[in-house]
């Protein structure tokens, strides 16, 4: 018998960058949710959140610059749903990153 996955609410954040910008592996993205800062490596991270409106902001430090590639989005987290957020940093270091919600959210039955 397979174990049934427990329902939870929150977001799954994927952070990535342009492949030729491999030096960004030395930088750690900051994921800011409602003012709370989390340092997470580049990749996919699941973050449980209470249902409701949440402000998500992502950026990283680079050399002496405290905020490179800033991008923000507001997400309304639904109960028993995981909303997928994708953050991408482009080729130009001093430009803003792009952030979007990938639809539809994963809903637990």
Protein backbone atom coordinates (compact mmCIF):
# COMPACT_ATOMS: atom_id res chain seq x y z
CA UNK A 1 0.00 0.00 0.00
CA UNK A 2 1.46 3.38 -1.01
CA UNK A 3 1.71 6.11 1.56
CA UNK A 4 -0.68 8.94 0.84
CA UNK A 5 0.87 12.38 0.61
CA UNK A 6 -0.27 14.73 3.37
CA UNK A 7 -1.97 17.92 2.14
CA UNK A 8 -0.17 21.17 2.84
CA UNK A 9 -0.41 24.77 1.68
CA UNK A 10 2.46 26.87 0.45
CA UNK A 11 4.78 27.58 -2.44
CA UNK A 12 7.45 25.79 -4.40
CA UNK A 13 10.11 28.28 -5.50
CA UNK A 14 12.52 27.54 -8.35
CA UNK A 15 15.49 29.89 -8.72
CA UNK A 16 17.68 29.71 -11.81
CA UNK A 17 20.02 31.80 -13.97
CA UNK A 18 21.36 32.00 -17.51
CA UNK A 19 23.75 29.04 -18.02
CA UNK A 20 26.75 31.18 -19.00
CA UNK A 21 26.46 33.06 -15.70
CA UNK A 22 27.87 30.06 -13.82
CA UNK A 23 29.72 32.42 -11.44
CA UNK A 24 26.32 33.01 -9.78
CA UNK A 25 26.73 29.62 -8.08
CA UNK A 26 28.93 31.61 -5.67
CA UNK A 27 25.94 33.86 -4.81
CA UNK A 28 23.13 32.71 -2.54
CA UNK A 29 19.60 33.87 -3.41
CA UNK A 30 17.56 35.52 -0.70
CA UNK A 31 13.89 34.55 -0.69
CA UNK A 32 11.93 37.12 1.30
CA UNK A 33 8.38 36.13 2.25
CA UNK A 34 6.36 38.79 4.05
CA UNK A 35 9.60 40.39 5.26
CA UNK A 36 11.23 37.15 6.52
CA UNK A 37 14.54 36.47 4.74
CA UNK A 38 15.65 32.91 3.90
CA UNK A 39 18.95 32.06 2.24
CA UNK A 40 18.53 29.13 -0.15
CA UNK A 41 20.88 27.79 -2.86
CA UNK A 42 19.85 27.95 -6.51
CA UNK A 43 17.27 25.27 -7.26
CA UNK A 44 13.81 24.18 -6.11
CA UNK A 45 12.56 24.71 -2.56
CA UNK A 46 9.22 23.89 -0.93
CA UNK A 47 8.05 26.40 1.65
CA UNK A 48 4.89 25.78 3.70
CA UNK A 49 2.74 28.89 4.19
CA UNK A 50 -0.62 29.67 5.73
CA UNK A 51 -3.42 30.27 3.21
CA UNK A 52 -3.80 33.93 2.25
CA UNK A 53 -1.90 36.73 0.49
CA UNK A 54 1.91 36.62 0.64
CA UNK A 55 4.53 38.94 -0.83
CA UNK A 56 7.53 37.07 -2.25
CA UNK A 57 10.71 38.91 -3.15
CA UNK A 58 13.92 37.33 -4.46
CA UNK A 59 17.37 38.84 -4.96
CA UNK A 60 21.02 38.00 -4.30
CA UNK A 61 24.20 39.76 -3.17
CA UNK A 62 26.96 40.19 -5.75
CA UNK A 63 30.35 41.64 -4.84
CA UNK A 64 29.61 44.95 -3.11
CA UNK A 65 26.02 45.20 -4.35
CA UNK A 66 23.49 44.24 -1.67
CA UNK A 67 20.60 43.55 -4.09
CA UNK A 68 21.09 42.22 -7.60
CA UNK A 69 18.30 40.87 -9.78
CA UNK A 70 15.42 41.94 -7.53
CA UNK A 71 11.95 40.69 -8.43
CA UNK A 72 8.71 40.46 -6.45
CA UNK A 73 5.27 38.92 -6.76
CA UNK A 74 2.14 38.67 -4.62
CA UNK A 75 0.65 35.18 -4.34
CA UNK A 76 -2.70 34.21 -2.86
CA UNK A 77 -2.06 30.77 -1.34
CA UNK A 78 -5.16 28.58 -1.40
CA UNK A 79 -5.80 25.91 1.26
CA UNK A 80 -4.27 22.50 0.37
CA UNK A 81 -2.57 24.00 -2.71
CA UNK A 82 1.09 24.36 -3.65
CA UNK A 83 1.71 27.39 -5.86
CA UNK A 84 4.76 27.12 -8.10
CA UNK A 85 6.92 30.26 -8.44
CA UNK A 86 9.78 30.58 -10.94
CA UNK A 87 12.54 33.17 -10.57
CA UNK A 88 15.06 33.59 -13.38
CA UNK A 89 18.09 35.84 -13.55
CA UNK A 90 18.99 36.88 -17.07
CA UNK A 91 22.35 37.40 -18.71
CA UNK A 92 22.87 41.00 -17.57
CA UNK A 93 24.03 41.16 -13.96
CA UNK A 94 22.59 44.59 -13.20
CA UNK A 95 19.11 43.99 -14.61
CA UNK A 96 16.09 42.86 -12.66
CA UNK A 97 15.19 39.20 -12.48
CA UNK A 98 11.89 37.81 -13.70
CA UNK A 99 9.40 36.11 -11.42
CA UNK A 100 6.08 34.48 -12.23
CA UNK A 101 3.59 31.97 -10.94
CA UNK A 102 3.36 28.82 -13.02
CA UNK A 103 -0.28 27.84 -13.43
CA UNK A 104 -2.20 25.99 -12.26
CA UNK A 105 -1.26 25.35 -8.62
CA UNK A 106 -0.96 21.74 -7.49
CA UNK A 107 -4.07 20.87 -5.47
CA UNK A 108 -4.20 18.01 -2.98
CA UNK A 109 -7.40 15.99 -3.22
